[in-house]
N, C-alpha and C. Protein backbone atom coordinates (compact mmCIF):
# COMPACT_ATOMS: atom_id res chain seq x y z
N MET A 1 -31.13 25.95 -21.39
CA MET A 1 -32.45 26.22 -21.91
C MET A 1 -32.41 26.06 -23.42
N ASN A 2 -33.34 25.34 -23.94
CA ASN A 2 -33.41 25.10 -25.38
C ASN A 2 -34.41 26.07 -25.99
N CYS A 3 -33.90 27.08 -26.73
CA CYS A 3 -34.77 28.10 -27.31
C CYS A 3 -35.48 27.62 -28.57
N SER A 4 -35.03 26.56 -29.15
CA SER A 4 -35.63 26.09 -30.40
C SER A 4 -36.78 25.12 -30.17
N ALA A 5 -37.09 24.83 -28.91
CA ALA A 5 -38.18 23.89 -28.62
C ALA A 5 -39.51 24.54 -28.98
N SER A 6 -40.35 23.83 -29.69
CA SER A 6 -41.66 24.37 -30.07
C SER A 6 -42.69 23.99 -29.02
N LYS A 7 -43.63 24.88 -28.85
CA LYS A 7 -44.69 24.64 -27.89
C LYS A 7 -46.01 24.60 -28.65
N HIS A 8 -46.91 23.74 -28.21
CA HIS A 8 -48.18 23.58 -28.89
C HIS A 8 -49.27 23.46 -27.85
N PHE A 9 -50.35 24.22 -28.05
CA PHE A 9 -51.50 24.07 -27.18
C PHE A 9 -52.76 24.22 -28.02
N GLU A 10 -53.85 23.71 -27.50
CA GLU A 10 -55.11 23.74 -28.22
C GLU A 10 -56.19 24.21 -27.27
N LEU A 11 -57.04 25.13 -27.76
CA LEU A 11 -58.13 25.66 -26.97
C LEU A 11 -59.43 25.23 -27.63
N ALA A 12 -60.27 24.57 -26.88
CA ALA A 12 -61.54 24.12 -27.42
C ALA A 12 -62.66 24.55 -26.48
N ALA A 13 -63.62 25.30 -27.03
CA ALA A 13 -64.76 25.75 -26.25
C ALA A 13 -65.88 26.11 -27.22
N GLU A 14 -67.10 26.19 -26.72
CA GLU A 14 -68.23 26.55 -27.58
C GLU A 14 -68.12 27.97 -28.09
N ALA A 15 -67.46 28.85 -27.33
CA ALA A 15 -67.35 30.26 -27.70
C ALA A 15 -66.32 30.50 -28.79
N CYS A 16 -65.48 29.52 -29.06
CA CYS A 16 -64.45 29.68 -30.08
C CYS A 16 -65.07 29.62 -31.47
N CYS A 17 -64.46 30.36 -32.40
CA CYS A 17 -64.94 30.34 -33.78
C CYS A 17 -64.56 29.02 -34.44
N PRO A 18 -65.41 28.51 -35.30
CA PRO A 18 -65.02 27.32 -36.05
C PRO A 18 -63.89 27.67 -37.02
N VAL A 19 -63.15 26.68 -37.42
CA VAL A 19 -62.04 26.90 -38.34
C VAL A 19 -62.60 27.47 -39.64
N GLY A 20 -62.00 28.56 -40.11
CA GLY A 20 -62.44 29.16 -41.36
C GLY A 20 -63.46 30.26 -41.17
N GLY A 21 -63.69 30.72 -39.97
CA GLY A 21 -64.61 31.84 -39.74
C GLY A 21 -66.02 31.38 -39.46
N ALA A 22 -66.97 32.16 -39.92
CA ALA A 22 -68.38 31.87 -39.67
C ALA A 22 -68.79 30.58 -40.35
N SER A 23 -69.70 29.89 -39.74
CA SER A 23 -70.21 28.66 -40.33
C SER A 23 -70.90 28.94 -41.65
N ALA A 24 -70.85 28.00 -42.54
CA ALA A 24 -71.47 28.17 -43.85
C ALA A 24 -72.97 28.40 -43.69
N GLY A 25 -73.48 29.38 -44.42
CA GLY A 25 -74.91 29.66 -44.38
C GLY A 25 -75.33 30.62 -43.30
N GLN A 26 -74.41 30.97 -42.38
CA GLN A 26 -74.75 31.91 -41.32
C GLN A 26 -74.14 33.27 -41.64
N SER A 27 -74.91 34.29 -41.44
CA SER A 27 -74.45 35.66 -41.65
C SER A 27 -74.24 36.32 -40.30
N GLU A 28 -73.10 37.00 -40.15
CA GLU A 28 -72.82 37.65 -38.88
C GLU A 28 -73.53 38.99 -38.78
N GLY A 29 -73.94 39.57 -39.89
CA GLY A 29 -74.63 40.86 -39.87
C GLY A 29 -73.67 42.01 -39.69
N LEU A 30 -74.23 43.20 -39.54
CA LEU A 30 -73.44 44.40 -39.37
C LEU A 30 -73.08 44.60 -37.90
N SER A 31 -71.87 45.07 -37.68
CA SER A 31 -71.46 45.37 -36.31
C SER A 31 -72.03 46.73 -35.91
N VAL A 32 -71.94 47.04 -34.63
CA VAL A 32 -72.42 48.32 -34.12
C VAL A 32 -71.63 49.46 -34.76
N GLY A 33 -70.33 49.28 -34.91
CA GLY A 33 -69.50 50.30 -35.53
C GLY A 33 -69.91 50.57 -36.97
N SER A 34 -70.23 49.51 -37.71
CA SER A 34 -70.67 49.69 -39.09
C SER A 34 -71.98 50.45 -39.16
N ILE A 35 -72.89 50.13 -38.27
CA ILE A 35 -74.19 50.82 -38.24
C ILE A 35 -74.00 52.29 -37.90
N LEU A 36 -73.15 52.58 -36.90
CA LEU A 36 -72.90 53.98 -36.53
C LEU A 36 -72.25 54.74 -37.68
N LEU A 37 -71.34 54.11 -38.38
CA LEU A 37 -70.68 54.77 -39.51
C LEU A 37 -71.67 55.06 -40.63
N ILE A 38 -72.55 54.13 -40.92
CA ILE A 38 -73.58 54.33 -41.95
C ILE A 38 -74.50 55.47 -41.55
N VAL A 39 -74.93 55.51 -40.29
CA VAL A 39 -75.80 56.57 -39.81
C VAL A 39 -75.09 57.92 -39.89
N PHE A 40 -73.82 57.97 -39.46
CA PHE A 40 -73.06 59.23 -39.48
C PHE A 40 -72.90 59.76 -40.90
N VAL A 41 -72.49 58.90 -41.82
CA VAL A 41 -72.31 59.34 -43.21
C VAL A 41 -73.64 59.79 -43.81
N SER A 42 -74.71 59.09 -43.50
CA SER A 42 -76.03 59.47 -44.00
C SER A 42 -76.45 60.84 -43.48
N LEU A 43 -76.23 61.08 -42.19
CA LEU A 43 -76.59 62.37 -41.60
C LEU A 43 -75.75 63.51 -42.18
N VAL A 44 -74.47 63.27 -42.41
CA VAL A 44 -73.62 64.29 -43.02
C VAL A 44 -74.12 64.60 -44.43
N PHE A 45 -74.48 63.59 -45.18
CA PHE A 45 -74.99 63.78 -46.54
C PHE A 45 -76.28 64.61 -46.52
N VAL A 46 -77.21 64.27 -45.63
CA VAL A 46 -78.47 65.01 -45.52
C VAL A 46 -78.21 66.45 -45.08
N TYR A 47 -77.28 66.65 -44.15
CA TYR A 47 -76.92 67.99 -43.68
C TYR A 47 -76.43 68.85 -44.84
N ILE A 48 -75.53 68.30 -45.65
CA ILE A 48 -74.97 69.06 -46.77
C ILE A 48 -76.04 69.35 -47.81
N VAL A 49 -76.77 68.33 -48.23
CA VAL A 49 -77.78 68.51 -49.28
C VAL A 49 -78.88 69.47 -48.82
N ALA A 50 -79.42 69.27 -47.63
CA ALA A 50 -80.49 70.14 -47.14
C ALA A 50 -79.96 71.56 -46.90
N GLY A 51 -78.74 71.68 -46.39
CA GLY A 51 -78.17 72.99 -46.14
C GLY A 51 -77.96 73.78 -47.42
N VAL A 52 -77.43 73.12 -48.45
CA VAL A 52 -77.25 73.79 -49.73
C VAL A 52 -78.60 74.17 -50.32
N ALA A 53 -79.58 73.29 -50.20
CA ALA A 53 -80.92 73.58 -50.73
C ALA A 53 -81.53 74.79 -50.04
N VAL A 54 -81.38 74.89 -48.73
CA VAL A 54 -81.92 76.04 -47.99
C VAL A 54 -81.18 77.31 -48.37
N GLN A 55 -79.85 77.24 -48.45
CA GLN A 55 -79.06 78.43 -48.78
C GLN A 55 -79.39 78.94 -50.18
N VAL A 56 -79.53 78.04 -51.13
CA VAL A 56 -79.81 78.46 -52.51
C VAL A 56 -81.28 78.80 -52.68
N GLY A 57 -82.17 77.97 -52.17
CA GLY A 57 -83.61 78.15 -52.39
C GLY A 57 -84.21 79.30 -51.62
N LEU A 58 -83.93 79.40 -50.33
CA LEU A 58 -84.56 80.43 -49.50
C LEU A 58 -83.74 81.71 -49.41
N LYS A 59 -82.44 81.57 -49.28
CA LYS A 59 -81.59 82.74 -49.06
C LYS A 59 -80.94 83.27 -50.33
N LYS A 60 -81.15 82.57 -51.44
CA LYS A 60 -80.60 82.96 -52.74
C LYS A 60 -79.08 83.19 -52.67
N ALA A 61 -78.38 82.33 -51.94
CA ALA A 61 -76.93 82.44 -51.78
C ALA A 61 -76.23 81.93 -53.03
N ASP A 62 -75.03 82.47 -53.25
CA ASP A 62 -74.21 81.97 -54.35
C ASP A 62 -72.76 81.91 -53.88
N GLY A 63 -71.93 81.21 -54.66
CA GLY A 63 -70.52 81.06 -54.30
C GLY A 63 -70.35 80.20 -53.07
N LYS A 64 -69.35 80.57 -52.23
CA LYS A 64 -69.08 79.78 -51.03
C LYS A 64 -70.16 79.91 -49.97
N ASP A 65 -71.02 80.91 -50.11
CA ASP A 65 -72.12 81.09 -49.15
C ASP A 65 -73.18 80.00 -49.28
N ARG A 66 -73.09 79.17 -50.30
CA ARG A 66 -74.02 78.03 -50.43
C ARG A 66 -73.76 76.97 -49.37
N ILE A 67 -72.53 76.92 -48.86
CA ILE A 67 -72.17 75.92 -47.86
C ILE A 67 -72.84 76.31 -46.54
N PRO A 68 -73.57 75.37 -45.91
CA PRO A 68 -74.23 75.71 -44.64
C PRO A 68 -73.19 75.97 -43.55
N HIS A 69 -73.37 77.05 -42.80
CA HIS A 69 -72.48 77.44 -41.70
C HIS A 69 -71.04 77.60 -42.17
N VAL A 70 -70.87 78.32 -43.27
CA VAL A 70 -69.55 78.44 -43.91
C VAL A 70 -68.52 79.06 -42.99
N THR A 71 -68.88 80.01 -42.15
CA THR A 71 -67.89 80.63 -41.26
C THR A 71 -67.35 79.64 -40.24
N PHE A 72 -68.21 78.74 -39.77
CA PHE A 72 -67.75 77.70 -38.86
C PHE A 72 -66.77 76.77 -39.56
N TRP A 73 -67.09 76.30 -40.76
CA TRP A 73 -66.24 75.35 -41.47
C TRP A 73 -64.91 75.97 -41.89
N ILE A 74 -64.90 77.29 -42.13
CA ILE A 74 -63.63 77.96 -42.43
C ILE A 74 -62.76 78.02 -41.17
N ALA A 75 -63.37 78.16 -39.99
CA ALA A 75 -62.63 78.26 -38.74
C ALA A 75 -62.15 76.92 -38.21
N VAL A 76 -62.71 75.81 -38.66
CA VAL A 76 -62.39 74.49 -38.11
C VAL A 76 -60.89 74.15 -38.17
N PRO A 77 -60.18 74.33 -39.28
CA PRO A 77 -58.75 73.98 -39.29
C PRO A 77 -57.94 74.74 -38.23
N GLY A 78 -58.21 76.02 -38.05
CA GLY A 78 -57.52 76.79 -37.01
C GLY A 78 -57.85 76.30 -35.62
N LEU A 79 -59.10 75.93 -35.39
CA LEU A 79 -59.50 75.41 -34.09
C LEU A 79 -58.84 74.07 -33.80
N ILE A 80 -58.72 73.23 -34.81
CA ILE A 80 -58.04 71.94 -34.65
C ILE A 80 -56.57 72.17 -34.31
N LYS A 81 -55.93 73.10 -35.02
CA LYS A 81 -54.52 73.42 -34.76
C LYS A 81 -54.35 73.93 -33.33
N ASP A 82 -55.22 74.83 -32.88
CA ASP A 82 -55.15 75.33 -31.51
C ASP A 82 -55.34 74.21 -30.48
N GLY A 83 -56.26 73.31 -30.75
CA GLY A 83 -56.50 72.19 -29.84
C GLY A 83 -55.31 71.26 -29.75
N ILE A 84 -54.66 71.00 -30.87
CA ILE A 84 -53.47 70.13 -30.87
C ILE A 84 -52.34 70.80 -30.12
N ARG A 85 -52.12 72.09 -30.37
CA ARG A 85 -51.06 72.81 -29.65
C ARG A 85 -51.32 72.82 -28.16
N PHE A 86 -52.56 73.03 -27.74
CA PHE A 86 -52.91 73.03 -26.33
C PHE A 86 -52.68 71.65 -25.72
N THR A 87 -53.06 70.60 -26.44
CA THR A 87 -52.90 69.24 -25.93
C THR A 87 -51.43 68.90 -25.72
N PHE A 88 -50.60 69.21 -26.69
CA PHE A 88 -49.18 68.85 -26.58
C PHE A 88 -48.42 69.74 -25.60
N SER A 89 -48.94 70.92 -25.30
CA SER A 89 -48.30 71.77 -24.29
C SER A 89 -48.86 71.46 -22.90
N CYS A 90 -49.79 70.55 -22.82
CA CYS A 90 -50.44 70.15 -21.56
C CYS A 90 -51.09 71.33 -20.85
N GLY A 91 -51.47 72.35 -21.61
CA GLY A 91 -52.14 73.51 -21.03
C GLY A 91 -51.21 74.43 -20.27
N LYS A 92 -49.89 74.23 -20.34
CA LYS A 92 -48.93 75.02 -19.57
C LYS A 92 -48.49 76.29 -20.29
N ARG A 93 -48.79 76.39 -21.54
CA ARG A 93 -48.35 77.55 -22.30
C ARG A 93 -49.12 78.79 -21.83
N LYS A 94 -48.39 79.88 -21.64
CA LYS A 94 -49.03 81.12 -21.20
C LYS A 94 -49.81 81.72 -22.35
N GLN A 95 -51.03 82.07 -22.09
CA GLN A 95 -51.89 82.64 -23.11
C GLN A 95 -51.90 84.17 -23.05
N TYR A 96 -51.59 84.72 -21.88
CA TYR A 96 -51.70 86.16 -21.68
C TYR A 96 -50.39 86.69 -21.14
N SER A 97 -50.10 87.95 -21.42
CA SER A 97 -48.89 88.56 -20.86
C SER A 97 -49.16 89.03 -19.44
N ASP A 98 -48.08 89.11 -18.64
CA ASP A 98 -48.22 89.57 -17.26
C ASP A 98 -48.49 91.06 -17.23
N ILE A 99 -49.27 91.51 -16.27
CA ILE A 99 -49.58 92.92 -16.13
C ILE A 99 -48.62 93.55 -15.15
């Protein structure tokens, strides 16, 4: 068997991309993932800005209480840690002591 032999094949079909990517003058537009990411970031921005405005304007909050749902956001790292530990233990770890 000759391992140094080179192989060459060519695929030609209408569905294949032209050499060099998109044809000149044609725009591919935004993908679904890009649109979802833009929407997600926009919603997070509105959530933070509106939440801070409500906390400061209506509730007269100051300090860390300006953050909307601050107790939830403080708990998130611990919840993530618990979820990772549960996932890697496959749920087999005992949570309670025997009676």
